[in-house]
Amino acid sequence: MARYTGSVCRQCRREGMKLFLKGDRCFTEKCAVSHRTAPPGVHGQGRKKQSEYGIQLREKQKVRRAYGILESQFRKYYNLAANMRGVTGENMLSLIERRLDNVAYRLNFGESRPMARQMVTHGHLLVNGKKVDIASYQVKEGDVVSIREKSREVPFFKTLKEQGEKRTIPAWLELDAQVLSGTVKSLPTREDIDLTISEHLIVEFYSR
């Protein structure tokens, strides 16, 4: 199986930063990164200084793991970004940020990206009134992402409707928690992406 099914906390420890793969748990003291900073494995604390290649690889892996993207998919985003006008690294991050599973996460339709992806693949989301169950679907400016009528009785969505926003919504999105609907106001820019990453290192990695 290509998709990672092990402990997600190990991924955060390996990258040395919170990737927010466990939702609310990542904001508590139970978060593994808060008290176990060494990479996983018996020899984690004794690893040598990384090479230039190793540093570039780690930046790529941070983004892949944060968004839950396979290597083949990630390479496609890079190739698309390289053929677009503008800065390749920023274009790549913008394309990834526009994935439907990430938009669902940003709109609080899932406590984590893995949970939001599950919501998408299980058919709970609509885009402009039509069901879309493809996690990699690219939203466009003006698109309306909402929860299907039959799915609004799911306890998680009922709680969101009652309590409103749980996390801050990015400026490029707008959420109406009462009707469980979000609008893509504009395409995301580099300033809208809160992941601490040096995307130029990823470009260098693929340009080798």
N, C-alpha and C. Protein backbone atom coordinates (compact mmCIF):
# COMPACT_ATOMS: atom_id res chain seq x y z
N MET A 1 0.85 -1.20 0.00
CA MET A 1 0.00 0.00 0.00
C MET A 1 0.89 1.25 0.00
N ALA A 2 0.61 2.19 -0.92
CA ALA A 2 1.47 3.36 -1.05
C ALA A 2 1.24 4.37 0.08
N ARG A 3 -0.01 4.53 0.52
CA ARG A 3 -0.27 5.54 1.52
C ARG A 3 0.23 5.10 2.89
N TYR A 4 0.80 6.06 3.62
CA TYR A 4 1.37 5.79 4.94
C TYR A 4 0.25 5.47 5.94
N THR A 5 0.42 4.38 6.69
CA THR A 5 -0.60 3.96 7.64
C THR A 5 -0.05 3.83 9.06
N GLY A 6 1.19 4.26 9.27
CA GLY A 6 1.78 4.17 10.61
C GLY A 6 1.40 5.35 11.48
N SER A 7 2.15 5.54 12.56
CA SER A 7 1.89 6.64 13.48
C SER A 7 2.21 7.98 12.83
N VAL A 8 1.22 8.87 12.79
CA VAL A 8 1.45 10.17 12.16
C VAL A 8 2.37 11.05 13.01
N CYS A 9 2.40 10.79 14.31
CA CYS A 9 3.28 11.57 15.18
C CYS A 9 4.75 11.33 14.83
N ARG A 10 5.07 10.16 14.33
CA ARG A 10 6.43 9.86 13.89
C ARG A 10 6.82 10.75 12.71
N GLN A 11 5.85 11.05 11.86
CA GLN A 11 6.14 11.92 10.72
C GLN A 11 6.48 13.33 11.19
N CYS A 12 5.74 13.82 12.16
CA CYS A 12 6.02 15.16 12.70
C CYS A 12 7.40 15.20 13.35
N ARG A 13 7.71 14.17 14.11
CA ARG A 13 9.02 14.11 14.77
C ARG A 13 10.14 14.01 13.75
N ARG A 14 9.91 13.26 12.68
CA ARG A 14 10.94 13.12 11.65
C ARG A 14 11.24 14.45 10.98
N GLU A 15 10.21 15.27 10.80
CA GLU A 15 10.40 16.57 10.16
C GLU A 15 10.74 17.67 11.16
N GLY A 16 10.65 17.36 12.45
CA GLY A 16 11.02 18.33 13.46
C GLY A 16 10.06 19.49 13.59
N MET A 17 8.79 19.29 13.21
CA MET A 17 7.81 20.37 13.31
C MET A 17 6.41 19.77 13.33
N LYS A 18 5.46 20.54 13.81
CA LYS A 18 4.07 20.09 13.84
C LYS A 18 3.48 20.17 12.44
N LEU A 19 2.94 19.06 11.97
CA LEU A 19 2.27 19.01 10.68
C LEU A 19 0.76 19.01 10.85
N PHE A 20 0.29 19.03 12.10
CA PHE A 20 -1.13 19.10 12.44
C PHE A 20 -1.93 17.99 11.77
N LEU A 21 -1.45 16.76 11.95
CA LEU A 21 -2.09 15.59 11.35
C LEU A 21 -3.11 14.93 12.28
N LYS A 22 -3.16 15.39 13.55
CA LYS A 22 -4.10 14.80 14.50
C LYS A 22 -5.11 15.81 15.03
N GLY A 23 -5.29 16.88 14.31
CA GLY A 23 -6.31 17.84 14.67
C GLY A 23 -6.06 18.53 16.00
N ASP A 24 -7.08 18.56 16.86
CA ASP A 24 -7.01 19.29 18.12
C ASP A 24 -5.91 18.77 19.04
N ARG A 25 -5.57 17.51 18.95
CA ARG A 25 -4.52 16.94 19.80
C ARG A 25 -3.19 17.67 19.60
N CYS A 26 -2.95 18.17 18.40
CA CYS A 26 -1.69 18.87 18.09
C CYS A 26 -1.55 20.18 18.86
N PHE A 27 -2.66 20.68 19.41
CA PHE A 27 -2.61 21.95 20.14
C PHE A 27 -2.56 21.72 21.66
N THR A 28 -2.42 20.46 22.07
CA THR A 28 -2.38 20.13 23.49
C THR A 28 -1.00 19.64 23.89
N GLU A 29 -0.81 19.38 25.17
CA GLU A 29 0.45 18.87 25.68
C GLU A 29 0.70 17.43 25.26
N LYS A 30 -0.32 16.75 24.77
CA LYS A 30 -0.17 15.37 24.33
C LYS A 30 0.58 15.26 23.01
N CYS A 31 0.75 16.37 22.33
CA CYS A 31 1.46 16.36 21.04
C CYS A 31 2.88 15.85 21.24
N ALA A 32 3.26 14.85 20.46
CA ALA A 32 4.58 14.21 20.61
C ALA A 32 5.72 15.18 20.36
N VAL A 33 5.55 16.12 19.44
CA VAL A 33 6.62 17.05 19.10
C VAL A 33 6.92 18.00 20.25
N SER A 34 5.94 18.21 21.13
CA SER A 34 6.13 19.13 22.24
C SER A 34 7.14 18.64 23.26
N HIS A 35 7.27 17.33 23.41
CA HIS A 35 8.19 16.82 24.43
C HIS A 35 9.14 15.74 23.90
N ARG A 36 9.09 15.45 22.59
CA ARG A 36 10.03 14.49 22.00
C ARG A 36 10.53 15.08 20.69
N THR A 37 11.58 15.87 20.77
CA THR A 37 12.05 16.62 19.61
C THR A 37 12.97 15.81 18.71
N ALA A 38 13.55 14.72 19.21
CA ALA A 38 14.47 13.91 18.41
C ALA A 38 13.71 13.12 17.35
N PRO A 39 14.33 12.89 16.19
CA PRO A 39 13.68 12.06 15.16
C PRO A 39 13.42 10.67 15.70
N PRO A 40 12.44 9.95 15.17
CA PRO A 40 12.13 8.60 15.65
C PRO A 40 13.26 7.63 15.30
N GLY A 41 13.31 6.54 16.03
CA GLY A 41 14.32 5.53 15.76
C GLY A 41 15.41 5.51 16.83
N VAL A 42 16.08 4.38 16.95
CA VAL A 42 17.11 4.20 17.96
C VAL A 42 18.25 5.20 17.80
N HIS A 43 18.58 5.53 16.56
CA HIS A 43 19.72 6.39 16.30
C HIS A 43 19.31 7.84 15.99
N GLY A 44 18.09 8.19 16.35
CA GLY A 44 17.58 9.52 16.01
C GLY A 44 18.42 10.66 16.55
N GLN A 45 18.88 10.54 17.80
CA GLN A 45 19.61 11.66 18.41
C GLN A 45 21.05 11.75 17.92
N GLY A 46 21.56 10.68 17.31
CA GLY A 46 22.96 10.70 16.92
C GLY A 46 23.18 10.91 15.43
N ARG A 47 22.16 11.40 14.72
CA ARG A 47 22.30 11.57 13.28
C ARG A 47 23.25 12.73 12.95
N LYS A 48 23.99 12.54 11.87
CA LYS A 48 25.00 13.52 11.48
C LYS A 48 24.36 14.71 10.77
N LYS A 49 25.18 15.70 10.54
CA LYS A 49 24.73 16.90 9.84
C LYS A 49 24.27 16.53 8.44
N GLN A 50 23.15 17.12 8.00
CA GLN A 50 22.58 16.76 6.71
C GLN A 50 23.35 17.41 5.57
N SER A 51 23.35 16.72 4.45
CA SER A 51 23.94 17.26 3.23
C SER A 51 22.97 18.24 2.58
N GLU A 52 23.41 18.91 1.54
CA GLU A 52 22.53 19.84 0.83
C GLU A 52 21.33 19.09 0.25
N TYR A 53 21.60 17.91 -0.30
CA TYR A 53 20.53 17.07 -0.83
C TYR A 53 19.55 16.69 0.27
N GLY A 54 20.08 16.32 1.44
CA GLY A 54 19.23 15.92 2.55
C GLY A 54 18.32 17.04 3.02
N ILE A 55 18.84 18.25 3.04
CA ILE A 55 18.05 19.42 3.46
C ILE A 55 16.91 19.66 2.47
N GLN A 56 17.22 19.57 1.17
CA GLN A 56 16.20 19.76 0.14
C GLN A 56 15.13 18.67 0.23
N LEU A 57 15.57 17.45 0.47
CA LEU A 57 14.63 16.33 0.59
C LEU A 57 13.69 16.53 1.76
N ARG A 58 14.20 16.98 2.88
CA ARG A 58 13.37 17.17 4.07
C ARG A 58 12.31 18.25 3.81
N GLU A 59 12.64 19.31 3.09
CA GLU A 59 11.65 20.34 2.79
C GLU A 59 10.52 19.76 1.95
N LYS A 60 10.88 18.94 0.97
CA LYS A 60 9.86 18.30 0.14
C LYS A 60 8.97 17.39 0.97
N GLN A 61 9.59 16.60 1.84
CA GLN A 61 8.84 15.66 2.65
C GLN A 61 7.90 16.38 3.63
N LYS A 62 8.31 17.54 4.12
CA LYS A 62 7.44 18.30 5.02
C LYS A 62 6.11 18.62 4.35
N VAL A 63 6.20 19.13 3.12
CA VAL A 63 4.99 19.51 2.40
C VAL A 63 4.17 18.27 2.05
N ARG A 64 4.83 17.24 1.54
CA ARG A 64 4.14 16.00 1.19
C ARG A 64 3.37 15.44 2.37
N ARG A 65 4.01 15.38 3.52
CA ARG A 65 3.39 14.78 4.69
C ARG A 65 2.32 15.68 5.29
N ALA A 66 2.52 16.97 5.27
CA ALA A 66 1.52 17.89 5.82
C ALA A 66 0.21 17.80 5.04
N TYR A 67 0.32 17.70 3.70
CA TYR A 67 -0.88 17.66 2.87
C TYR A 67 -1.32 16.24 2.52
N GLY A 68 -0.51 15.24 2.87
CA GLY A 68 -0.87 13.85 2.59
C GLY A 68 -0.85 13.51 1.12
N ILE A 69 0.21 13.92 0.43
CA ILE A 69 0.29 13.72 -1.02
C ILE A 69 1.35 12.68 -1.35
N LEU A 70 1.05 11.81 -2.29
CA LEU A 70 2.01 10.81 -2.75
C LEU A 70 3.08 11.47 -3.62
N GLU A 71 4.21 10.82 -3.76
CA GLU A 71 5.33 11.39 -4.52
C GLU A 71 4.95 11.67 -5.97
N SER A 72 4.25 10.73 -6.62
CA SER A 72 3.87 10.94 -8.01
C SER A 72 2.94 12.15 -8.17
N GLN A 73 2.02 12.32 -7.22
CA GLN A 73 1.13 13.48 -7.25
C GLN A 73 1.91 14.77 -7.04
N PHE A 74 2.84 14.72 -6.09
CA PHE A 74 3.61 15.91 -5.77
C PHE A 74 4.44 16.36 -6.97
N ARG A 75 5.02 15.40 -7.66
CA ARG A 75 5.83 15.72 -8.84
C ARG A 75 4.97 16.37 -9.92
N LYS A 76 3.72 15.93 -10.05
CA LYS A 76 2.82 16.53 -11.03
C LYS A 76 2.54 18.00 -10.70
N TYR A 77 2.37 18.29 -9.40
CA TYR A 77 2.15 19.69 -9.01
C TYR A 77 3.37 20.53 -9.35
N TYR A 78 4.55 19.98 -9.12
CA TYR A 78 5.77 20.72 -9.46
C TYR A 78 5.84 20.98 -10.97
N ASN A 79 5.55 19.97 -11.79
CA ASN A 79 5.61 20.13 -13.24
C ASN A 79 4.60 21.17 -13.72
N LEU A 80 3.39 21.15 -13.14
CA LEU A 80 2.39 22.15 -13.50
C LEU A 80 2.87 23.55 -13.13
N ALA A 81 3.41 23.68 -11.92
CA ALA A 81 3.88 24.98 -11.44
C ALA A 81 5.04 25.51 -12.28
N ALA A 82 5.90 24.60 -12.74
CA ALA A 82 7.06 25.01 -13.53
C ALA A 82 6.65 25.58 -14.89
N ASN A 83 5.46 25.21 -15.36
CA ASN A 83 4.97 25.69 -16.66
C ASN A 83 4.02 26.87 -16.53
N MET A 84 3.86 27.38 -15.31
CA MET A 84 3.01 28.54 -15.07
C MET A 84 3.84 29.80 -14.96
N ARG A 85 3.22 30.92 -15.19
CA ARG A 85 3.91 32.20 -14.99
C ARG A 85 4.10 32.45 -13.50
N GLY A 86 5.17 33.13 -13.15
CA GLY A 86 5.41 33.45 -11.75
C GLY A 86 6.49 32.58 -11.14
N VAL A 87 6.55 32.60 -9.82
CA VAL A 87 7.56 31.86 -9.08
C VAL A 87 7.11 30.40 -8.93
N THR A 88 7.93 29.48 -9.37
CA THR A 88 7.54 28.07 -9.40
C THR A 88 7.15 27.54 -8.03
N GLY A 89 7.96 27.82 -7.00
CA GLY A 89 7.67 27.30 -5.66
C GLY A 89 6.36 27.81 -5.12
N GLU A 90 6.08 29.09 -5.32
CA GLU A 90 4.83 29.67 -4.83
C GLU A 90 3.64 29.13 -5.61
N ASN A 91 3.81 28.96 -6.92
CA ASN A 91 2.74 28.38 -7.74
C ASN A 91 2.40 26.97 -7.28
N MET A 92 3.44 26.21 -6.95
CA MET A 92 3.24 24.83 -6.51
C MET A 92 2.45 24.77 -5.21
N LEU A 93 2.83 25.61 -4.25
CA LEU A 93 2.11 25.63 -2.97
C LEU A 93 0.67 26.08 -3.15
N SER A 94 0.45 27.03 -4.06
CA SER A 94 -0.91 27.51 -4.31
C SER A 94 -1.77 26.41 -4.91
N LEU A 95 -1.21 25.63 -5.83
CA LEU A 95 -1.96 24.51 -6.43
C LEU A 95 -2.33 23.48 -5.37
N ILE A 96 -1.39 23.17 -4.49
CA ILE A 96 -1.64 22.18 -3.45
C ILE A 96 -2.67 22.70 -2.45
N GLU A 97 -2.59 23.98 -2.14
CA GLU A 97 -3.52 24.59 -1.19
C GLU A 97 -4.95 24.58 -1.72
N ARG A 98 -5.10 24.55 -3.02
CA ARG A 98 -6.42 24.59 -3.64
C ARG A 98 -7.07 23.21 -3.77
N ARG A 99 -6.41 22.17 -3.27
CA ARG A 99 -7.03 20.84 -3.26
C ARG A 99 -8.30 20.87 -2.41
N LEU A 100 -9.31 20.13 -2.82
CA LEU A 100 -10.59 20.16 -2.11
C LEU A 100 -10.46 19.67 -0.68
N ASP A 101 -9.63 18.64 -0.45
CA ASP A 101 -9.48 18.15 0.92
C ASP A 101 -8.85 19.21 1.82
N ASN A 102 -7.91 20.00 1.28
CA ASN A 102 -7.31 21.06 2.07
C ASN A 102 -8.29 22.20 2.31
N VAL A 103 -9.08 22.53 1.29
CA VAL A 103 -10.10 23.58 1.45
C VAL A 103 -11.10 23.17 2.52
N ALA A 104 -11.49 21.90 2.52
CA ALA A 104 -12.41 21.40 3.54
C ALA A 104 -11.79 21.55 4.93
N TYR A 105 -10.50 21.27 5.04
CA TYR A 105 -9.80 21.43 6.32
C TYR A 105 -9.75 22.90 6.73
N ARG A 106 -9.42 23.75 5.79
CA ARG A 106 -9.34 25.19 6.09
C ARG A 106 -10.68 25.76 6.51
N LEU A 107 -11.77 25.17 6.01
CA LEU A 107 -13.11 25.64 6.36
C LEU A 107 -13.66 24.98 7.62
N ASN A 108 -12.80 24.20 8.30
CA ASN A 108 -13.18 23.51 9.54
C ASN A 108 -14.14 22.35 9.31
N PHE A 109 -14.21 21.82 8.08
CA PHE A 109 -15.05 20.67 7.81
C PHE A 109 -14.34 19.37 8.19
N GLY A 110 -13.20 19.48 8.83
CA GLY A 110 -12.44 18.34 9.33
C GLY A 110 -11.42 18.85 10.33
N GLU A 111 -11.20 18.12 11.41
CA GLU A 111 -10.26 18.57 12.43
C GLU A 111 -8.81 18.50 11.95
N SER A 112 -8.56 17.67 10.94
CA SER A 112 -7.23 17.53 10.36
C SER A 112 -7.40 17.30 8.86
N ARG A 113 -6.31 17.39 8.12
CA ARG A 113 -6.42 17.13 6.69
C ARG A 113 -6.83 15.69 6.40
N PRO A 114 -6.28 14.70 7.12
CA PRO A 114 -6.75 13.32 6.88
C PRO A 114 -8.25 13.17 7.11
N MET A 115 -8.78 13.82 8.15
CA MET A 115 -10.21 13.73 8.41
C MET A 115 -11.00 14.44 7.32
N ALA A 116 -10.50 15.60 6.88
CA ALA A 116 -11.17 16.35 5.81
C ALA A 116 -11.17 15.54 4.52
N ARG A 117 -10.07 14.85 4.24
CA ARG A 117 -10.00 14.00 3.04
C ARG A 117 -11.06 12.90 3.11
N GLN A 118 -11.24 12.35 4.30
CA GLN A 118 -12.25 11.31 4.47
C GLN A 118 -13.65 11.86 4.23
N MET A 119 -13.89 13.08 4.68
CA MET A 119 -15.18 13.71 4.45
C MET A 119 -15.46 13.86 2.96
N VAL A 120 -14.40 14.20 2.21
CA VAL A 120 -14.55 14.38 0.77
C VAL A 120 -14.82 13.04 0.09
N THR A 121 -13.98 12.05 0.37
CA THR A 121 -14.10 10.77 -0.32
C THR A 121 -15.39 10.02 0.05
N HIS A 122 -15.96 10.34 1.20
CA HIS A 122 -17.22 9.72 1.60
C HIS A 122 -18.44 10.45 1.03
N GLY A 123 -18.19 11.49 0.25
CA GLY A 123 -19.27 12.15 -0.45
C GLY A 123 -20.06 13.15 0.36
N HIS A 124 -19.47 13.71 1.42
CA HIS A 124 -20.20 14.67 2.26
C HIS A 124 -20.19 16.09 1.70
N LEU A 125 -19.30 16.38 0.72
CA LEU A 125 -19.13 17.75 0.25
C LEU A 125 -19.71 17.99 -1.14
N LEU A 126 -20.17 19.21 -1.33
CA LEU A 126 -20.65 19.67 -2.63
C LEU A 126 -19.79 20.85 -3.08
N VAL A 127 -19.56 20.94 -4.36
CA VAL A 127 -18.90 22.11 -4.96
C VAL A 127 -19.86 22.70 -5.97
N ASN A 128 -20.32 23.91 -5.70
CA ASN A 128 -21.32 24.57 -6.55
C ASN A 128 -22.57 23.71 -6.70
N GLY A 129 -22.95 23.03 -5.59
CA GLY A 129 -24.17 22.25 -5.58
C GLY A 129 -24.06 20.84 -6.11
N LYS A 130 -22.87 20.44 -6.57
CA LYS A 130 -22.69 19.10 -7.11
C LYS A 130 -21.71 18.31 -6.25
N LYS A 131 -22.04 17.04 -6.01
CA LYS A 131 -21.17 16.22 -5.16
C LYS A 131 -19.83 15.98 -5.85
N VAL A 132 -18.75 16.19 -5.08
CA VAL A 132 -17.40 15.92 -5.56
C VAL A 132 -16.71 15.08 -4.49
N ASP A 133 -16.26 13.89 -4.88
CA ASP A 133 -15.61 13.01 -3.91
C ASP A 133 -14.14 12.74 -4.27
N ILE A 134 -13.54 13.67 -5.01
CA ILE A 134 -12.14 13.57 -5.40
C ILE A 134 -11.33 14.55 -4.56
N ALA A 135 -10.48 14.02 -3.70
CA ALA A 135 -9.74 14.86 -2.75
C ALA A 135 -8.84 15.87 -3.45
N SER A 136 -8.31 15.52 -4.61
CA SER A 136 -7.36 16.40 -5.32
C SER A 136 -8.06 17.42 -6.22
N TYR A 137 -9.38 17.44 -6.22
CA TYR A 137 -10.13 18.40 -7.05
C TYR A 137 -9.66 19.82 -6.78
N GLN A 138 -9.39 20.58 -7.84
CA GLN A 138 -8.89 21.94 -7.71
C GLN A 138 -10.04 22.95 -7.69
N VAL A 139 -10.19 23.66 -6.58
CA VAL A 139 -11.23 24.69 -6.52
C VAL A 139 -10.77 25.92 -7.28
N LYS A 140 -11.74 26.71 -7.71
CA LYS A 140 -11.46 27.94 -8.45
C LYS A 140 -12.08 29.13 -7.72
N GLU A 141 -11.62 30.30 -8.07
CA GLU A 141 -12.19 31.51 -7.46
C GLU A 141 -13.68 31.57 -7.73
N GLY A 142 -14.46 31.82 -6.69
CA GLY A 142 -15.91 31.89 -6.82
C GLY A 142 -16.62 30.60 -6.50
N ASP A 143 -15.90 29.50 -6.39
CA ASP A 143 -16.53 28.22 -6.06
C ASP A 143 -17.13 28.25 -4.65
N VAL A 144 -18.23 27.54 -4.48
CA VAL A 144 -18.89 27.43 -3.18
C VAL A 144 -18.80 25.98 -2.73
N VAL A 145 -18.15 25.76 -1.60
CA VAL A 145 -17.99 24.42 -1.04
C VAL A 145 -18.92 24.29 0.16
N SER A 146 -19.79 23.30 0.14
CA SER A 146 -20.77 23.16 1.21
C SER A 146 -20.94 21.69 1.61
N ILE A 147 -21.64 21.51 2.71
CA ILE A 147 -21.93 20.16 3.20
C ILE A 147 -23.26 19.69 2.64
N ARG A 148 -23.30 18.47 2.15
CA ARG A 148 -24.52 17.91 1.59
C ARG A 148 -25.64 17.91 2.64
N GLU A 149 -26.84 18.14 2.20
CA GLU A 149 -27.99 18.25 3.10
C GLU A 149 -28.11 17.04 4.02
N LYS A 150 -27.99 15.83 3.46
CA LYS A 150 -28.14 14.62 4.26
C LYS A 150 -27.01 14.45 5.28
N SER A 151 -25.88 15.08 5.02
CA SER A 151 -24.72 14.92 5.90
C SER A 151 -24.71 15.91 7.06
N ARG A 152 -25.59 16.87 7.04
CA ARG A 152 -25.57 17.90 8.08
C ARG A 152 -25.99 17.39 9.44
N GLU A 153 -26.54 16.17 9.49
CA GLU A 153 -26.92 15.58 10.76
C GLU A 153 -25.77 14.80 11.40
N VAL A 154 -24.64 14.70 10.69
CA VAL A 154 -23.46 14.08 11.28
C VAL A 154 -23.06 14.89 12.51
N PRO A 155 -22.82 14.26 13.67
CA PRO A 155 -22.51 14.99 14.90
C PRO A 155 -21.44 16.06 14.75
N PHE A 156 -20.39 15.77 14.02
CA PHE A 156 -19.30 16.75 13.86
C PHE A 156 -19.81 18.02 13.20
N PHE A 157 -20.61 17.89 12.15
CA PHE A 157 -21.12 19.06 11.43
C PHE A 157 -22.17 19.79 12.25
N LYS A 158 -22.96 19.06 13.03
CA LYS A 158 -23.95 19.71 13.89
C LYS A 158 -23.26 20.57 14.94
N THR A 159 -22.13 20.06 15.48
CA THR A 159 -21.37 20.82 16.47
C THR A 159 -20.78 22.08 15.84
N LEU A 160 -20.25 21.95 14.62
CA LEU A 160 -19.68 23.10 13.92
C LEU A 160 -20.74 24.16 13.69
N LYS A 161 -21.93 23.72 13.33
CA LYS A 161 -23.02 24.67 13.08
C LYS A 161 -23.42 25.40 14.35
N GLU A 162 -23.38 24.70 15.48
CA GLU A 162 -23.77 25.30 16.75
C GLU A 162 -22.68 26.21 17.34
N GLN A 163 -21.41 25.79 17.18
CA GLN A 163 -20.32 26.52 17.82
C GLN A 163 -19.63 27.53 16.91
N GLY A 164 -19.84 27.37 15.60
CA GLY A 164 -19.18 28.29 14.68
C GLY A 164 -17.75 27.90 14.41
N GLU A 165 -16.92 28.86 13.99
CA GLU A 165 -15.53 28.59 13.61
C GLU A 165 -14.71 28.05 14.77
N LYS A 166 -13.97 26.97 14.52
CA LYS A 166 -13.07 26.41 15.53
C LYS A 166 -11.65 26.92 15.32
N ARG A 167 -11.27 27.13 14.06
CA ARG A 167 -9.96 27.69 13.72
C ARG A 167 -10.16 28.92 12.86
N THR A 168 -9.14 29.75 12.80
CA THR A 168 -9.20 30.94 11.97
C THR A 168 -9.27 30.55 10.49
N ILE A 169 -10.19 31.17 9.77
CA ILE A 169 -10.34 30.89 8.35
C ILE A 169 -9.39 31.78 7.56
N PRO A 170 -8.63 31.23 6.60
CA PRO A 170 -7.71 32.05 5.79
C PRO A 170 -8.46 33.16 5.05
N ALA A 171 -7.74 34.23 4.72
CA ALA A 171 -8.36 35.38 4.08
C ALA A 171 -8.94 35.06 2.70
N TRP A 172 -8.42 34.03 2.03
CA TRP A 172 -8.90 33.72 0.68
C TRP A 172 -10.18 32.89 0.68
N LEU A 173 -10.62 32.50 1.89
CA LEU A 173 -11.86 31.75 2.03
C LEU A 173 -12.83 32.49 2.94
N GLU A 174 -14.09 32.18 2.81
CA GLU A 174 -15.12 32.77 3.67
C GLU A 174 -16.08 31.67 4.09
N LEU A 175 -16.32 31.53 5.38
CA LEU A 175 -17.20 30.48 5.90
C LEU A 175 -18.46 31.04 6.51
N ASP A 176 -19.57 30.42 6.15
CA ASP A 176 -20.84 30.70 6.82
C ASP A 176 -21.17 29.44 7.60
N ALA A 177 -20.81 29.42 8.89
CA ALA A 177 -20.95 28.22 9.70
C ALA A 177 -22.40 27.82 9.91
N GLN A 178 -23.30 28.77 9.84
CA GLN A 178 -24.71 28.47 10.08
C GLN A 178 -25.33 27.63 8.97
N VAL A 179 -24.82 27.79 7.76
CA VAL A 179 -25.35 27.01 6.64
C VAL A 179 -24.30 26.01 6.14
N LEU A 180 -23.18 25.93 6.87
CA LEU A 180 -22.09 25.00 6.54
C LEU A 180 -21.67 25.14 5.08
N SER A 181 -21.31 26.37 4.72
CA SER A 181 -20.94 26.67 3.34
C SER A 181 -19.76 27.64 3.33
N GLY A 182 -18.83 27.40 2.42
CA GLY A 182 -17.68 28.28 2.30
C GLY A 182 -17.50 28.72 0.86
N THR A 183 -16.96 29.93 0.69
CA THR A 183 -16.75 30.50 -0.64
C THR A 183 -15.27 30.79 -0.86
N VAL A 184 -14.79 30.45 -2.06
CA VAL A 184 -13.40 30.75 -2.43
C VAL A 184 -13.39 32.19 -2.95
N LYS A 185 -12.97 33.12 -2.09
CA LYS A 185 -12.99 34.54 -2.47
C LYS A 185 -11.91 34.89 -3.47
N SER A 186 -10.77 34.23 -3.36
CA SER A 186 -9.65 34.48 -4.27
C SER A 186 -8.72 33.27 -4.22
N LEU A 187 -7.76 33.23 -5.11
CA LEU A 187 -6.80 32.14 -5.09
C LEU A 187 -5.75 32.41 -4.02
N PRO A 188 -5.28 31.38 -3.34
CA PRO A 188 -4.32 31.59 -2.24
C PRO A 188 -2.96 32.07 -2.75
N THR A 189 -2.35 32.96 -2.00
CA THR A 189 -1.00 33.44 -2.28
C THR A 189 -0.05 32.84 -1.25
N ARG A 190 1.23 33.10 -1.40
CA ARG A 190 2.21 32.54 -0.46
C ARG A 190 1.95 33.04 0.95
N GLU A 191 1.48 34.27 1.10
CA GLU A 191 1.22 34.84 2.42
C GLU A 191 0.06 34.14 3.12
N ASP A 192 -0.80 33.48 2.37
CA ASP A 192 -1.96 32.79 2.96
C ASP A 192 -1.62 31.40 3.48
N ILE A 193 -0.43 30.90 3.16
CA ILE A 193 -0.05 29.54 3.53
C ILE A 193 0.84 29.59 4.76
N ASP A 194 0.35 29.03 5.87
CA ASP A 194 1.02 29.16 7.15
C ASP A 194 2.08 28.09 7.42
N LEU A 195 2.31 27.21 6.47
CA LEU A 195 3.31 26.17 6.66
C LEU A 195 4.71 26.77 6.59
N THR A 196 5.53 26.48 7.61
CA THR A 196 6.90 26.99 7.65
C THR A 196 7.77 26.14 6.72
N ILE A 197 8.01 26.64 5.54
CA ILE A 197 8.70 25.86 4.51
C ILE A 197 9.50 26.79 3.61
N SER A 198 10.62 26.29 3.10
CA SER A 198 11.43 27.02 2.12
C SER A 198 11.21 26.36 0.77
N GLU A 199 10.21 26.82 0.06
CA GLU A 199 9.81 26.14 -1.18
C GLU A 199 10.88 26.18 -2.25
N HIS A 200 11.79 27.16 -2.20
CA HIS A 200 12.84 27.21 -3.22
C HIS A 200 13.76 25.99 -3.13
N LEU A 201 13.85 25.40 -1.94
CA LEU A 201 14.67 24.19 -1.79
C LEU A 201 14.03 23.01 -2.51
N ILE A 202 12.71 22.99 -2.55
CA ILE A 202 12.00 21.92 -3.26
C ILE A 202 12.23 22.07 -4.76
N VAL A 203 12.19 23.31 -5.23
CA VAL A 203 12.46 23.56 -6.65
C VAL A 203 13.88 23.12 -6.99
N GLU A 204 14.82 23.41 -6.10
CA GLU A 204 16.21 22.99 -6.34
C GLU A 204 16.31 21.47 -6.35
N PHE A 205 15.54 20.82 -5.48
CA PHE A 205 15.57 19.35 -5.41
C PHE A 205 15.16 18.74 -6.74
N TYR A 206 14.08 19.23 -7.33
CA TYR A 206 13.59 18.68 -8.59
C TYR A 206 14.37 19.18 -9.81
N SER A 207 15.16 20.21 -9.61
CA SER A 207 15.95 20.77 -10.72
C SER A 207 17.33 20.14 -10.82
N ARG A 208 17.63 19.21 -9.94
CA ARG A 208 18.95 18.60 -9.92
C ARG A 208 19.24 17.83 -11.22
